[in-house]
């Protein structure tokens, strides 16, 4: 089974790219006065929208969680893989502050977005923390 992000993430990433292109146009053709923080504001907005667009587009095309019989493989946006065996999972927790699922395996934490919450269906319910049990109810 292959869990991947939805199309909405791609559309929002492309929208942020479009906004960053619009800001480049403003920077070169519209902005006449570089005083009073106009240049800095447009540059910061460009960097922000461009980086959000790049991250979301990479997330859509590269991020995968591959569920197998013996393990799950998590591929991140940069292409690195992390394999977590079902037998090595010690605990599955939920962080309310960051709204993330935390899988503790071999004394290492792997943070997973709750949009991929289907992974908890494949993990033994005895390993759920109290925070996760409250979330599932």
C-alpha atoms as a PDB file:
ATOM      1  CA  UNK A   1       0.000   0.000   0.000  1.00  0.00           C
ATOM      2  CA  UNK A   2       1.316   3.425  -0.922  1.00  0.00           C
ATOM      3  CA  UNK A   3       0.232   6.521   1.008  1.00  0.00           C
ATOM      4  CA  UNK A   4       0.879   9.801  -0.766  1.00  0.00           C
ATOM      5  CA  UNK A   5      -0.299  13.414  -0.448  1.00  0.00           C
ATOM      6  CA  UNK A   6      -3.469  14.680  -2.074  1.00  0.00           C
ATOM      7  CA  UNK A   7      -3.719  16.950  -5.102  1.00  0.00           C
ATOM      8  CA  UNK A   8      -4.660  19.928  -2.937  1.00  0.00           C
ATOM      9  CA  UNK A   9      -1.062  20.112  -1.712  1.00  0.00           C
ATOM     10  CA  UNK A  10       0.170  20.313  -5.311  1.00  0.00           C
ATOM     11  CA  UNK A  11      -2.381  22.984  -6.224  1.00  0.00           C
ATOM     12  CA  UNK A  12      -1.480  25.105  -3.207  1.00  0.00           C
ATOM     13  CA  UNK A  13       2.228  24.725  -4.011  1.00  0.00           C
ATOM     14  CA  UNK A  14       1.672  25.827  -7.608  1.00  0.00           C
ATOM     15  CA  UNK A  15      -0.446  28.733  -6.356  1.00  0.00           C
ATOM     16  CA  UNK A  16       2.454  29.854  -4.133  1.00  0.00           C
ATOM     17  CA  UNK A  17       4.796  29.617  -7.140  1.00  0.00           C
ATOM     18  CA  UNK A  18       2.411  31.829  -9.120  1.00  0.00           C
ATOM     19  CA  UNK A  19       2.344  34.383  -6.313  1.00  0.00           C
ATOM     20  CA  UNK A  20       6.156  34.388  -6.223  1.00  0.00           C
ATOM     21  CA  UNK A  21       6.270  35.048  -9.991  1.00  0.00           C
ATOM     22  CA  UNK A  22       3.849  37.913  -9.502  1.00  0.00           C
ATOM     23  CA  UNK A  23       6.140  39.302  -6.798  1.00  0.00           C
ATOM     24  CA  UNK A  24       9.109  39.116  -9.205  1.00  0.00           C
ATOM     25  CA  UNK A  25       7.072  41.154 -11.679  1.00  0.00           C
ATOM     26  CA  UNK A  26       6.305  43.692  -8.933  1.00  0.00           C
ATOM     27  CA  UNK A  27       9.964  43.801  -7.949  1.00  0.00           C
ATOM     28  CA  UNK A  28      11.281  44.552 -11.427  1.00  0.00           C
ATOM     29  CA  UNK A  29       8.500  46.500 -13.142  1.00  0.00           C
ATOM     30  CA  UNK A  30       6.154  48.052 -10.582  1.00  0.00           C
ATOM     31  CA  UNK A  31       8.245  48.976  -7.555  1.00  0.00           C
ATOM     32  CA  UNK A  32       9.774  52.400  -8.228  1.00  0.00           C
ATOM     33  CA  UNK A  33      10.733  53.528  -4.732  1.00  0.00           C
ATOM     34  CA  UNK A  34      13.144  51.260  -2.924  1.00  0.00           C
ATOM     35  CA  UNK A  35      12.927  53.303   0.252  1.00  0.00           C
ATOM     36  CA  UNK A  36      10.646  52.827   3.249  1.00  0.00           C
ATOM     37  CA  UNK A  37      11.122  49.041   3.234  1.00  0.00           C
ATOM     38  CA  UNK A  38       9.372  48.386  -0.077  1.00  0.00           C
ATOM     39  CA  UNK A  39      12.225  46.366  -1.546  1.00  0.00           C
ATOM     40  CA  UNK A  40      12.752  44.376   1.639  1.00  0.00           C
ATOM     41  CA  UNK A  41       9.038  43.615   1.967  1.00  0.00           C
ATOM     42  CA  UNK A  42       8.719  42.355  -1.589  1.00  0.00           C
ATOM     43  CA  UNK A  43      11.914  40.290  -1.302  1.00  0.00           C
ATOM     44  CA  UNK A  44      10.773  38.663   1.948  1.00  0.00           C
ATOM     45  CA  UNK A  45       7.358  37.887   0.488  1.00  0.00           C
ATOM     46  CA  UNK A  46       9.006  36.399  -2.607  1.00  0.00           C
ATOM     47  CA  UNK A  47      11.318  34.207  -0.531  1.00  0.00           C
ATOM     48  CA  UNK A  48       8.421  33.063   1.653  1.00  0.00           C
ATOM     49  CA  UNK A  49       6.027  32.179  -1.170  1.00  0.00           C
ATOM     50  CA  UNK A  50       8.774  30.590  -3.269  1.00  0.00           C
ATOM     51  CA  UNK A  51       9.991  28.384  -0.421  1.00  0.00           C
ATOM     52  CA  UNK A  52       6.446  27.307   0.507  1.00  0.00           C
ATOM     53  CA  UNK A  53       5.706  26.510  -3.131  1.00  0.00           C
ATOM     54  CA  UNK A  54       8.941  24.557  -3.510  1.00  0.00           C
ATOM     55  CA  UNK A  55       8.373  22.559  -0.330  1.00  0.00           C
ATOM     56  CA  UNK A  56       4.763  21.676  -1.140  1.00  0.00           C
ATOM     57  CA  UNK A  57       5.549  20.712  -4.728  1.00  0.00           C
ATOM     58  CA  UNK A  58       8.455  18.526  -3.621  1.00  0.00           C
ATOM     59  CA  UNK A  59       6.249  17.041  -0.910  1.00  0.00           C
ATOM     60  CA  UNK A  60       3.632  16.073  -3.468  1.00  0.00           C
ATOM     61  CA  UNK A  61       6.072  14.469  -5.905  1.00  0.00           C
ATOM     62  CA  UNK A  62       8.587  12.871  -3.520  1.00  0.00           C
ATOM     63  CA  UNK A  63       6.969  12.092  -0.129  1.00  0.00           C
ATOM     64  CA  UNK A  64       5.658   8.544   0.197  1.00  0.00           C
ATOM     65  CA  UNK A  65       4.846   6.095   2.953  1.00  0.00           C
ATOM     66  CA  UNK A  66       5.040   2.560   1.605  1.00  0.00           C
ATOM     67  CA  UNK A  67       3.297   0.000   3.813  1.00  0.00           C
ATOM     68  CA  UNK A  68       4.647  -3.548   3.527  1.00  0.00           C
ATOM     69  CA  UNK A  69       4.134  -6.826   5.347  1.00  0.00           C
ATOM     70  CA  UNK A  70       7.176  -6.462   7.591  1.00  0.00           C
ATOM     71  CA  UNK A  71       7.851  -2.704   7.592  1.00  0.00           C
ATOM     72  CA  UNK A  72       6.935   0.736   6.403  1.00  0.00           C
ATOM     73  CA  UNK A  73       9.291   2.852   4.321  1.00  0.00           C
ATOM     74  CA  UNK A  74       9.066   6.634   4.588  1.00  0.00           C
ATOM     75  CA  UNK A  75      10.583   8.610   1.717  1.00  0.00           C
ATOM     76  CA  UNK A  76      10.946  12.318   2.454  1.00  0.00           C
ATOM     77  CA  UNK A  77      11.023  15.323   0.124  1.00  0.00           C
ATOM     78  CA  UNK A  78      14.770  15.063  -0.458  1.00  0.00           C
ATOM     79  CA  UNK A  79      14.647  11.379  -1.393  1.00  0.00           C
ATOM     80  CA  UNK A  80      16.087   9.827   1.764  1.00  0.00           C
ATOM     81  CA  UNK A  81      14.426   6.652   2.987  1.00  0.00           C
ATOM     82  CA  UNK A  82      13.700   5.536   6.524  1.00  0.00           C
ATOM     83  CA  UNK A  83      12.540   1.969   7.078  1.00  0.00           C
ATOM     84  CA  UNK A  84      10.683   1.131  10.271  1.00  0.00           C
ATOM     85  CA  UNK A  85       9.958  -2.531  10.998  1.00  0.00           C
ATOM     86  CA  UNK A  86       6.631  -3.305  12.649  1.00  0.00           C
ATOM     87  CA  UNK A  87       8.354  -5.419  15.314  1.00  0.00           C
ATOM     88  CA  UNK A  88      10.760  -2.582  16.240  1.00  0.00           C
ATOM     89  CA  UNK A  89       8.028  -0.049  17.033  1.00  0.00           C
ATOM     90  CA  UNK A  90       8.030   0.623  20.759  1.00  0.00           C
ATOM     91  CA  UNK A  91       5.331   3.284  21.031  1.00  0.00           C
ATOM     92  CA  UNK A  92       3.087   5.463  18.875  1.00  0.00           C
ATOM     93  CA  UNK A  93       2.248   8.849  20.358  1.00  0.00           C
ATOM     94  CA  UNK A  94       0.414  12.002  19.327  1.00  0.00           C
ATOM     95  CA  UNK A  95       1.766  15.515  19.929  1.00  0.00           C
ATOM     96  CA  UNK A  96      -1.107  17.958  20.385  1.00  0.00           C
ATOM     97  CA  UNK A  97       1.113  21.041  20.099  1.00  0.00           C
ATOM     98  CA  UNK A  98       2.467  20.254  16.631  1.00  0.00           C
ATOM     99  CA  UNK A  99      -0.478  18.040  15.573  1.00  0.00           C
ATOM    100  CA  UNK A 100       1.842  15.190  14.592  1.00  0.00           C
ATOM    101  CA  UNK A 101       1.935  11.413  15.055  1.00  0.00           C
ATOM    102  CA  UNK A 102       5.212  10.233  16.597  1.00  0.00           C
ATOM    103  CA  UNK A 103       6.487   6.708  15.981  1.00  0.00           C
ATOM    104  CA  UNK A 104       9.186   5.640  18.464  1.00  0.00           C
ATOM    105  CA  UNK A 105      11.362   2.879  17.014  1.00  0.00           C
ATOM    106  CA  UNK A 106      14.864   1.847  18.162  1.00  0.00           C
ATOM    107  CA  UNK A 107      14.998   4.872  20.495  1.00  0.00           C
ATOM    108  CA  UNK A 108      14.469   7.225  17.509  1.00  0.00           C
ATOM    109  CA  UNK A 109      11.411   9.345  16.817  1.00  0.00           C
ATOM    110  CA  UNK A 110       9.821   9.718  13.405  1.00  0.00           C
ATOM    111  CA  UNK A 111       7.271  12.522  13.085  1.00  0.00           C
ATOM    112  CA  UNK A 112       4.427  11.844  10.658  1.00  0.00           C
ATOM    113  CA  UNK A 113       1.645  14.187   9.620  1.00  0.00           C
ATOM    114  CA  UNK A 114      -1.864  13.145  10.674  1.00  0.00           C
ATOM    115  CA  UNK A 115      -3.012  13.286   7.044  1.00  0.00           C
ATOM    116  CA  UNK A 116      -1.240   9.914   6.826  1.00  0.00           C
ATOM    117  CA  UNK A 117      -3.117   8.645   9.860  1.00  0.00           C
ATOM    118  CA  UNK A 118      -3.869   5.339   8.139  1.00  0.00           C
ATOM    119  CA  UNK A 119      -0.517   4.032   9.357  1.00  0.00           C
ATOM    120  CA  UNK A 120      -1.909   3.549  12.866  1.00  0.00           C
ATOM    121  CA  UNK A 121      -4.255   0.906  11.451  1.00  0.00           C
ATOM    122  CA  UNK A 122      -1.224  -1.276  10.712  1.00  0.00           C
ATOM    123  CA  UNK A 123       0.378  -0.887  14.160  1.00  0.00           C
ATOM    124  CA  UNK A 124      -0.546  -3.031  17.154  1.00  0.00           C
ATOM    125  CA  UNK A 125      -3.062  -1.068  19.299  1.00  0.00           C
ATOM    126  CA  UNK A 126      -1.172  -2.111  22.458  1.00  0.00           C
ATOM    127  CA  UNK A 127       1.595   0.301  21.423  1.00  0.00           C
ATOM    128  CA  UNK A 128      -0.699   3.351  21.293  1.00  0.00           C
ATOM    129  CA  UNK A 129      -0.178   6.084  23.883  1.00  0.00           C
ATOM    130  CA  UNK A 130      -3.054   7.634  25.825  1.00  0.00           C
ATOM    131  CA  UNK A 131      -2.926  10.793  23.655  1.00  0.00           C
ATOM    132  CA  UNK A 132      -3.331   8.716  20.497  1.00  0.00           C
ATOM    133  CA  UNK A 133      -6.138   6.631  22.011  1.00  0.00           C
ATOM    134  CA  UNK A 134      -8.036   9.823  22.833  1.00  0.00           C
ATOM    135  CA  UNK A 135      -7.532  11.090  19.298  1.00  0.00           C
ATOM    136  CA  UNK A 136      -8.805   7.878  17.719  1.00  0.00           C
ATOM    137  CA  UNK A 137     -12.001   7.768  19.825  1.00  0.00           C
END
